Amino acid sequence: MNKLTKFFIGLTLLLIIGWFFLVRYLNAGSIEPDNTVWESYIGRDTTVGILPDAYANYFTYTVARTNKNIGFKISGEFPDTRYFSFNVYSLGDNTTQGSIVDFEIQTDSGKPNPFLENKDSVEVGDRYTVYLLPSKKTDKSLPNVLPFKDDVRLMTMVIRLYDYNKDDFGGVEFPTVQAITLDQNSEEIEMTSTRLPTGLNLRGIVRKFSLPKMVDRLSLLYETENTIALDRPNSNKQHYTLPFHAINTKGFIENNDNRYLLAAITKKEEEVFIFKFKSPSFTNGPQNINQTDVRYWSFNLGNSATYNFNAIKDEDAILDKNGYVNIVLASKDTELEQRVKDLGYNFLEWNMPWEKGLILIRHMLANPNFEAQIDKVPPIAKGMADFSSTEAQHIMGDYAPQGLRMSKEDFLFEYSLQLEKIELK
């Protein structure tokens, strides 16, 4: 046996031994149901990237699937929150494999789901069990099955809570996760408990691989900034419009139930931004859940590196008598804030040191009959010579945000005249 042959035999043995210990490390979790595996991402934390909603919390469990027959059983209590869902993703492309939403989940007891309309206050079920299973092993007799592709090797499960109450997880304990292997007989699937995969650090994976790609793709939005002043006869005031656009969110660990519009802003000193849009009707309790235009909407300020810093959500926004939201975005300023208050507008502070900002508005679970679907807005793409035809107001009308940018001096002058008109009425 020559030296080269010995070398390859030794290398093969080394790789086999290394793979054995790697698999053991990647599957070193509890064999019992465990609720300590979740990694928390709190929306109000300005160090969380990928433009989170300031009023939402995200809980993840990221694993390497070394066993193609492994699935997961998740058991818990329904949280007290406006919206609750499970998504599963392949980190190969950061794209959702599927989701299951709060009102779709059958309760363990068979009592009504707490996220369904309940005008008569019927007693509801408080516990659920969700199964995440590879597609080829899906058992149709099980409730609440969320399938994923059989070839997914690096997988992330995400629980989302929007507008949570009581605490960061809606007043209940984290759900337990149990790993199961699936042996299929001729008639049914048998489940056997196995060790949970070791949780991987999603934050590190996202920051190294996903975030740079997202920042690069979102940079296209800055090409949509309007640099042509409005035609204002007999005036030397420079006012610019702020267009909103849709983007392709595939590969951003996207939520199946959210749709987004974004606007890019490069802020100058002493500059003020004014936004106006019609508010969709939204859910504010079990009496009208899933009966409104959207379940939830929010208006967020982030930066070009995709960190979120400030927001207004639907139920906190001041509406005018016609149901419109008026938002003034500017640096903190006592005089300006008083003028905004006098006008009955909403003030959102530019509370970050960066000049490049991103405004993101979300529509959550839009009713299919709602006239202003963000889905109908064509996403922008590289190579477009003119972005004006894809501006959201052309498709959504007044439900799409429209904005103006001007100097603080101009705002205080022009909106003092508007205030005088209001006072005369």
Protein backbone atom coordinates (compact mmCIF):
# COMPACT_ATOMS: atom_id res chain seq x y z
CA MET A 1 0.00 0.00 0.00
CA ASN A 2 1.62 3.24 -1.12
CA LYS A 3 1.70 6.48 0.87
CA LEU A 4 -0.99 8.18 -1.25
CA THR A 5 -3.44 5.32 -0.66
CA LYS A 6 -2.74 5.40 3.07
CA PHE A 7 -3.29 9.16 3.06
CA PHE A 8 -6.73 8.88 1.41
CA ILE A 9 -7.76 6.03 3.72
CA GLY A 10 -6.72 8.09 6.75
CA LEU A 11 -8.50 11.17 5.41
CA THR A 12 -11.68 9.14 4.79
CA LEU A 13 -11.60 7.73 8.32
CA LEU A 14 -11.02 11.22 9.71
CA LEU A 15 -13.99 12.60 7.78
CA ILE A 16 -16.22 9.73 8.94
CA ILE A 17 -15.21 10.28 12.57
CA GLY A 18 -15.66 14.06 12.16
CA TRP A 19 -19.13 13.59 10.64
CA PHE A 20 -20.09 11.23 13.50
CA PHE A 21 -19.16 13.81 16.15
CA LEU A 22 -20.76 16.65 14.16
CA VAL A 23 -24.05 14.74 13.92
CA ARG A 24 -23.89 14.03 17.67
CA TYR A 25 -23.32 17.73 18.36
CA LEU A 26 -26.13 18.80 16.02
CA ASN A 27 -28.56 16.42 17.78
CA ALA A 28 -27.64 16.91 21.42
CA GLY A 29 -30.90 18.42 22.66
CA SER A 30 -33.52 17.07 25.02
CA ILE A 31 -35.50 13.97 24.18
CA GLU A 32 -38.37 15.44 26.22
CA PRO A 33 -40.53 18.40 25.10
CA ASP A 34 -38.49 21.58 25.68
CA ASN A 35 -39.51 25.25 25.64
CA THR A 36 -36.02 26.71 26.13
CA VAL A 37 -34.99 26.36 22.48
CA TRP A 38 -36.54 29.64 21.29
CA GLU A 39 -34.33 32.58 20.36
CA SER A 40 -36.07 35.94 20.97
CA TYR A 41 -36.10 38.94 18.64
CA ILE A 42 -38.01 41.84 20.21
CA GLY A 43 -39.29 44.33 17.66
CA ARG A 44 -38.57 47.41 19.78
CA ASP A 45 -34.89 46.34 19.98
CA THR A 46 -33.06 48.58 17.49
CA THR A 47 -30.28 46.00 17.05
CA VAL A 48 -32.63 43.55 15.30
CA GLY A 49 -32.20 43.73 11.52
CA ILE A 50 -34.39 43.02 8.47
CA LEU A 51 -36.83 45.86 9.28
CA PRO A 52 -38.88 44.27 12.08
CA ASP A 53 -42.18 45.78 13.14
CA ALA A 54 -41.69 47.82 16.31
CA TYR A 55 -44.87 46.31 17.81
CA ALA A 56 -44.08 42.69 16.95
CA ASN A 57 -41.95 40.00 18.56
CA TYR A 58 -40.31 37.10 16.77
CA PHE A 59 -39.22 33.79 18.29
CA THR A 60 -37.07 31.37 16.31
CA TYR A 61 -35.62 27.87 16.51
CA THR A 62 -33.00 27.14 13.84
CA VAL A 63 -31.75 23.60 13.27
CA ALA A 64 -29.74 21.42 10.93
CA ARG A 65 -31.77 18.38 9.85
CA THR A 66 -29.30 15.50 9.64
CA ASN A 67 -32.19 13.01 9.74
CA LYS A 68 -34.50 13.27 6.71
CA ASN A 69 -37.36 11.64 8.68
CA ILE A 70 -37.36 14.12 11.57
CA GLY A 71 -40.35 16.37 12.32
CA PHE A 72 -41.47 18.54 15.23
CA LYS A 73 -44.44 18.66 17.59
CA ILE A 74 -45.10 22.10 19.12
CA SER A 75 -47.53 22.44 22.05
CA GLY A 76 -48.60 25.55 23.92
CA GLU A 77 -51.27 28.03 24.98
CA PHE A 78 -52.75 30.67 22.72
CA PRO A 79 -51.15 34.05 23.58
CA ASP A 80 -53.05 37.27 24.21
CA THR A 81 -52.07 39.14 21.06
CA ARG A 82 -53.58 40.73 17.96
CA TYR A 83 -51.91 38.23 15.62
CA PHE A 84 -50.09 34.93 16.09
CA SER A 85 -48.56 32.60 13.50
CA PHE A 86 -46.04 29.87 12.74
CA ASN A 87 -43.79 29.94 9.66
CA VAL A 88 -41.11 27.49 8.58
CA TYR A 89 -38.20 28.48 6.32
CA SER A 90 -35.35 26.89 4.46
CA LEU A 91 -32.23 28.95 5.08
CA GLY A 92 -30.95 27.80 1.71
CA ASP A 93 -32.98 30.63 0.16
CA ASN A 94 -34.57 32.30 3.24
CA THR A 95 -37.98 31.69 1.72
CA THR A 96 -41.03 30.54 3.63
CA GLN A 97 -42.04 26.89 3.22
CA GLY A 98 -45.49 27.66 4.57
CA SER A 99 -47.38 29.11 7.50
CA ILE A 100 -50.31 28.51 9.80
CA VAL A 101 -52.18 31.50 11.21
CA ASP A 102 -53.87 31.89 14.58
CA PHE A 103 -57.49 31.46 13.42
CA GLU A 104 -56.59 28.36 11.37
CA ILE A 105 -55.31 26.40 14.38
CA GLN A 106 -57.65 23.79 15.86
CA THR A 107 -57.71 23.76 19.65
CA ASP A 108 -56.72 20.63 21.58
CA SER A 109 -60.05 20.61 23.40
CA GLY A 110 -62.23 21.06 20.32
CA LYS A 111 -63.64 24.31 21.77
CA PRO A 112 -63.75 27.37 19.49
CA ASN A 113 -60.52 29.04 18.46
CA PRO A 114 -59.93 32.33 20.37
CA PHE A 115 -58.97 34.09 17.12
CA LEU A 116 -62.38 33.60 15.53
CA GLU A 117 -65.28 36.02 15.82
CA ASN A 118 -66.99 35.41 19.16
CA LYS A 119 -69.78 37.94 19.67
CA ASP A 120 -71.58 35.65 22.15
CA SER A 121 -68.46 35.19 24.34
CA VAL A 122 -68.55 31.40 24.06
CA GLU A 123 -65.84 29.63 26.08
CA VAL A 124 -62.82 29.07 23.84
CA GLY A 125 -60.00 26.56 23.82
CA ASP A 126 -56.73 27.64 25.36
CA ARG A 127 -54.24 25.03 24.08
CA TYR A 128 -53.00 23.91 20.66
CA THR A 129 -50.64 21.40 19.06
CA VAL A 130 -48.92 22.15 15.73
CA TYR A 131 -46.95 19.59 13.71
CA LEU A 132 -44.07 20.59 11.41
CA LEU A 133 -43.55 17.60 9.11
CA PRO A 134 -41.65 16.84 5.88
CA SER A 135 -44.08 16.76 2.96
CA LYS A 136 -43.68 13.07 2.20
CA LYS A 137 -44.49 12.18 5.80
CA THR A 138 -47.56 14.40 6.21
CA ASP A 139 -50.37 12.61 8.04
CA LYS A 140 -53.74 14.03 6.97
CA SER A 141 -55.38 12.64 10.11
CA LEU A 142 -53.37 15.05 12.29
CA PRO A 143 -54.63 18.58 13.02
CA ASN A 144 -52.56 21.71 12.40
CA VAL A 145 -49.93 20.26 10.09
CA LEU A 146 -47.39 22.66 8.61
CA PRO A 147 -45.43 20.80 5.90
CA PHE A 148 -41.98 21.66 4.60
CA LYS A 149 -39.98 20.34 1.66
CA ASP A 150 -38.30 17.00 2.23
CA ASP A 151 -34.88 18.27 1.19
CA VAL A 152 -34.71 21.13 3.70
CA ARG A 153 -31.52 20.70 5.70
CA LEU A 154 -31.05 24.06 7.42
CA MET A 155 -34.44 25.07 8.80
CA THR A 156 -35.87 27.92 10.86
CA MET A 157 -39.20 27.91 12.68
CA VAL A 158 -40.61 31.36 13.50
CA ILE A 159 -43.41 32.33 15.87
CA ARG A 160 -44.69 35.87 15.35
CA LEU A 161 -46.76 37.94 17.80
CA TYR A 162 -48.09 41.34 16.74
CA ASP A 163 -49.43 43.89 19.21
CA TYR A 164 -48.92 41.52 22.11
CA ASN A 165 -50.46 42.13 25.53
CA LYS A 166 -49.29 41.48 29.14
CA ASP A 167 -45.68 40.61 28.29
CA ASP A 168 -43.45 39.80 25.33
CA PHE A 169 -45.14 36.44 24.72
CA GLY A 170 -48.75 37.42 25.34
CA GLY A 171 -48.98 36.27 28.97
CA VAL A 172 -48.26 32.56 28.40
CA GLU A 173 -45.20 30.31 28.54
CA PHE A 174 -43.18 29.55 25.42
CA PRO A 175 -44.54 26.45 23.66
CA THR A 176 -42.64 23.19 24.01
CA VAL A 177 -40.94 21.54 21.04
CA GLN A 178 -40.55 17.78 20.72
CA ALA A 179 -38.52 16.10 17.97
CA ILE A 180 -40.15 13.07 16.38
CA THR A 181 -39.05 10.53 13.81
CA LEU A 182 -41.66 9.35 11.40
CA ASP A 183 -41.96 5.71 10.36
CA GLN A 184 -44.69 5.16 7.80
CA ASN A 185 -46.56 1.87 7.70
CA SER A 186 -49.11 0.99 5.06
CA GLU A 187 -51.96 2.74 6.85
CA GLU A 188 -50.59 5.35 9.24
CA ILE A 189 -47.51 7.23 10.40
CA GLU A 190 -45.92 6.19 13.68
CA MET A 191 -44.09 8.84 15.68
CA THR A 192 -41.15 8.15 17.97
CA SER A 193 -39.50 10.74 20.22
CA THR A 194 -35.88 11.53 19.41
CA ARG A 195 -33.36 14.11 20.57
CA LEU A 196 -33.99 17.71 19.60
CA PRO A 197 -31.45 19.22 17.23
CA THR A 198 -29.07 21.71 18.79
CA GLY A 199 -30.34 25.26 18.25
CA LEU A 200 -28.17 27.34 15.89
CA ASN A 201 -27.62 31.10 16.18
CA LEU A 202 -29.94 32.62 13.57
CA ARG A 203 -28.79 36.16 14.37
CA GLY A 204 -25.24 35.30 13.33
CA ILE A 205 -26.38 33.50 10.17
CA VAL A 206 -28.63 36.41 9.13
CA ARG A 207 -26.01 39.08 9.80
CA LYS A 208 -23.34 37.22 7.84
CA PHE A 209 -25.33 35.94 4.88
CA SER A 210 -28.86 37.39 4.61
CA LEU A 211 -28.53 40.99 5.78
CA PRO A 212 -25.91 42.13 3.23
CA LYS A 213 -28.05 40.77 0.39
CA MET A 214 -31.14 42.54 1.74
CA VAL A 215 -29.28 45.85 2.16
CA ASP A 216 -28.04 45.56 -1.42
CA ARG A 217 -31.52 44.84 -2.80
CA LEU A 218 -33.16 47.64 -0.81
CA SER A 219 -30.58 50.13 -2.06
CA LEU A 220 -32.62 50.24 -5.27
CA LEU A 221 -35.29 52.19 -3.37
CA TYR A 222 -32.96 55.19 -3.16
CA GLU A 223 -33.11 55.41 -6.94
CA THR A 224 -36.86 56.07 -6.63
CA GLU A 225 -36.39 59.24 -4.54
CA ASN A 226 -37.98 62.18 -6.30
CA THR A 227 -35.45 64.91 -7.11
CA ILE A 228 -37.83 67.13 -9.12
CA ALA A 229 -39.56 69.88 -7.15
CA LEU A 230 -43.29 70.33 -7.41
CA ASP A 231 -44.45 72.88 -9.96
CA ARG A 232 -45.64 75.66 -7.66
CA PRO A 233 -46.53 78.87 -9.59
CA ASN A 234 -45.54 82.15 -7.92
CA SER A 235 -43.49 80.38 -5.27
CA ASN A 236 -39.81 79.69 -4.76
CA LYS A 237 -40.49 77.03 -2.14
CA GLN A 238 -38.89 73.68 -2.94
CA HIS A 239 -41.31 70.88 -2.10
CA TYR A 240 -40.77 67.30 -3.21
CA THR A 241 -43.11 64.34 -3.27
CA LEU A 242 -42.26 61.07 -1.49
CA PRO A 243 -43.31 58.04 -3.56
CA PHE A 244 -44.00 54.60 -2.08
CA HIS A 245 -43.22 51.37 -3.87
CA ALA A 246 -43.60 47.62 -3.43
CA ILE A 247 -40.58 45.32 -3.42
CA ASN A 248 -40.03 41.61 -3.95
CA THR A 249 -39.74 40.27 -0.38
CA LYS A 250 -38.88 36.70 -1.35
CA GLY A 251 -35.78 35.58 0.53
CA PHE A 252 -36.18 38.10 3.38
CA ILE A 253 -37.56 35.50 5.85
CA GLU A 254 -40.86 37.06 4.84
CA ASN A 255 -44.17 36.65 6.63
CA ASN A 256 -46.85 35.05 4.43
CA ASP A 257 -49.50 37.34 5.92
CA ASN A 258 -47.82 40.74 5.55
CA ARG A 259 -47.61 43.00 2.53
CA TYR A 260 -45.30 46.00 2.43
CA LEU A 261 -44.84 49.42 0.85
CA LEU A 262 -41.58 51.32 1.24
CA ALA A 263 -40.21 54.78 0.61
CA ALA A 264 -36.57 55.86 0.72
CA ILE A 265 -35.54 59.17 2.27
CA THR A 266 -32.16 60.88 2.36
CA LYS A 267 -32.77 63.44 5.10
CA LYS A 268 -31.29 66.89 5.08
CA GLU A 269 -30.87 69.07 8.16
CA GLU A 270 -34.01 70.89 9.30
CA GLU A 271 -36.14 68.90 6.84
CA VAL A 272 -39.73 67.84 7.56
CA PHE A 273 -41.74 65.03 5.95
CA ILE A 274 -45.54 64.96 5.85
CA PHE A 275 -47.44 61.76 4.98
CA LYS A 276 -51.13 61.26 4.40
CA PHE A 277 -53.16 58.12 3.69
CA LYS A 278 -56.57 56.69 4.38
CA SER A 279 -56.63 54.20 7.22
CA PRO A 280 -58.02 50.74 6.42
CA SER A 281 -60.43 49.42 9.03
CA PHE A 282 -58.57 47.13 11.45
CA THR A 283 -59.29 44.53 14.12
CA ASN A 284 -59.55 45.81 17.68
CA GLY A 285 -61.06 42.80 19.46
CA PRO A 286 -62.83 39.45 19.09
CA GLN A 287 -66.01 41.25 18.04
CA ASN A 288 -64.62 42.12 14.61
CA ILE A 289 -61.67 39.80 14.07
CA ASN A 290 -61.26 38.90 10.38
CA GLN A 291 -64.19 41.22 9.58
CA THR A 292 -62.14 44.34 8.74
CA ASP A 293 -60.05 45.58 5.81
CA VAL A 294 -56.87 44.38 7.52
CA ARG A 295 -56.02 42.68 10.78
CA TYR A 296 -53.37 45.30 11.54
CA TRP A 297 -51.35 48.09 9.98
CA SER A 298 -48.26 50.00 11.07
CA PHE A 299 -45.98 52.77 9.82
CA ASN A 300 -42.28 52.26 10.65
CA LEU A 301 -39.05 54.25 10.38
CA GLY A 302 -35.89 52.26 9.70
CA ASN A 303 -32.46 52.94 8.29
CA SER A 304 -30.64 51.75 5.18
CA ALA A 305 -28.99 48.96 7.21
CA THR A 306 -32.52 47.59 7.93
CA TYR A 307 -32.70 48.38 11.65
CA ASN A 308 -36.03 49.78 12.90
CA PHE A 309 -36.20 52.80 15.22
CA ASN A 310 -39.72 54.21 15.51
CA ALA A 311 -43.30 53.44 14.56
CA ILE A 312 -47.01 54.22 14.78
CA LYS A 313 -49.59 51.45 14.76
CA ASP A 314 -53.23 51.62 13.69
CA GLU A 315 -55.00 51.90 17.04
CA ASP A 316 -52.62 54.64 18.27
CA ALA A 317 -52.88 56.84 15.18
CA ILE A 318 -54.97 60.02 15.24
CA LEU A 319 -57.41 60.09 12.31
CA ASP A 320 -59.07 63.17 10.87
CA LYS A 321 -62.83 63.37 10.43
CA ASN A 322 -62.58 61.70 7.02
CA GLY A 323 -60.57 58.73 8.29
CA TYR A 324 -57.18 59.90 7.05
CA VAL A 325 -53.87 59.60 8.90
CA ASN A 326 -51.53 62.60 8.81
CA ILE A 327 -47.99 61.89 10.02
CA VAL A 328 -45.21 64.45 10.40
CA LEU A 329 -41.72 62.93 10.54
CA ALA A 330 -38.91 65.17 11.75
CA SER A 331 -36.14 65.52 14.30
CA LYS A 332 -37.26 66.35 17.83
CA ASP A 333 -38.34 70.00 17.99
CA THR A 334 -40.64 71.60 20.57
CA GLU A 335 -42.06 74.27 18.26
CA LEU A 336 -42.69 71.80 15.47
CA GLU A 337 -44.30 69.23 17.75
CA GLN A 338 -46.68 71.83 19.16
CA ARG A 339 -47.75 72.81 15.64
CA VAL A 340 -48.34 69.14 14.80
CA LYS A 341 -50.42 68.73 17.95
CA ASP A 342 -52.48 71.85 17.16
CA LEU A 343 -53.20 70.47 13.70
CA GLY A 344 -54.40 67.16 15.14
CA TYR A 345 -51.65 65.30 13.27
CA ASN A 346 -49.34 62.50 14.42
CA PHE A 347 -45.69 63.27 15.18
CA LEU A 348 -43.05 60.60 14.54
CA GLU A 349 -39.54 61.47 15.66
CA TRP A 350 -36.55 60.86 13.39
CA ASN A 351 -34.72 59.34 16.35
CA MET A 352 -31.68 57.91 14.61
CA PRO A 353 -28.35 59.50 13.63
CA TRP A 354 -28.39 58.22 10.04
CA GLU A 355 -29.46 60.39 7.10
CA LYS A 356 -30.62 57.48 4.94
CA GLY A 357 -34.00 56.22 6.10
CA LEU A 358 -36.61 53.72 4.96
CA ILE A 359 -40.31 54.13 5.65
CA LEU A 360 -42.21 50.85 5.71
CA ILE A 361 -45.97 50.45 5.96
CA ARG A 362 -47.49 47.02 6.63
CA HIS A 363 -50.90 45.60 5.86
CA MET A 364 -51.47 42.41 7.81
CA LEU A 365 -53.97 39.78 6.60
CA ALA A 366 -55.82 42.02 4.16
CA ASN A 367 -59.40 40.98 3.51
CA PRO A 368 -59.66 39.59 -0.06
CA ASN A 369 -62.53 42.04 -0.67
CA PHE A 370 -60.51 45.07 0.46
CA GLU A 371 -60.22 47.40 -2.53
CA ALA A 372 -56.63 48.51 -1.92
CA GLN A 373 -54.48 45.38 -2.11
CA ILE A 374 -50.73 45.96 -1.87
CA ASP A 375 -50.36 42.71 -3.83
CA LYS A 376 -51.59 44.59 -6.90
CA VAL A 377 -48.70 47.08 -6.76
CA PRO A 378 -45.95 45.87 -9.13
CA PRO A 379 -42.58 45.56 -7.35
CA ILE A 380 -39.70 47.69 -8.53
CA ALA A 381 -36.80 45.97 -10.28
CA LYS A 382 -33.29 46.76 -11.41
CA GLY A 383 -33.07 48.17 -14.90
CA MET A 384 -36.20 50.32 -14.66
CA ALA A 385 -35.67 53.66 -16.36
CA ASP A 386 -38.76 55.23 -14.79
CA PHE A 387 -40.30 54.20 -11.46
CA SER A 388 -43.30 56.55 -11.60
CA SER A 389 -45.69 53.97 -13.05
CA THR A 390 -45.10 51.68 -10.06
CA GLU A 391 -45.93 54.30 -7.42
CA ALA A 392 -48.48 52.78 -5.06
CA GLN A 393 -51.07 55.57 -5.25
CA HIS A 394 -51.75 54.72 -8.91
CA ILE A 395 -53.04 51.31 -7.83
CA MET A 396 -54.26 51.79 -4.25
CA GLY A 397 -55.56 55.35 -4.40
CA ASP A 398 -55.80 57.16 -1.07
CA TYR A 399 -54.93 54.03 0.94
CA ALA A 400 -51.35 54.33 -0.32
CA PRO A 401 -49.23 56.81 1.64
CA GLN A 402 -48.28 59.96 -0.20
CA GLY A 403 -45.77 62.40 1.17
CA LEU A 404 -44.19 65.81 0.86
CA ARG A 405 -40.78 66.95 2.03
CA MET A 406 -39.98 70.56 2.84
CA SER A 407 -37.95 72.71 5.18
CA LYS A 408 -39.05 73.27 8.76
CA GLU A 409 -39.48 76.98 7.97
CA ASP A 410 -41.83 76.22 5.09
CA PHE A 411 -43.82 73.75 7.16
CA LEU A 412 -44.34 76.19 10.03
CA PHE A 413 -45.40 78.91 7.61
CA GLU A 414 -47.68 76.92 5.34
CA TYR A 415 -49.28 74.89 8.10
CA SER A 416 -49.89 77.99 10.19
CA LEU A 417 -52.15 79.16 7.34
CA GLN A 418 -53.87 75.78 7.35
CA LEU A 419 -54.35 76.04 11.11
CA GLU A 420 -55.98 79.45 10.70
CA LYS A 421 -58.43 77.92 8.21
CA ILE A 422 -59.22 75.14 10.66
CA GLU A 423 -59.86 77.63 13.46
CA LEU A 424 -62.27 79.64 11.30
CA LYS A 425 -64.53 76.64 10.70
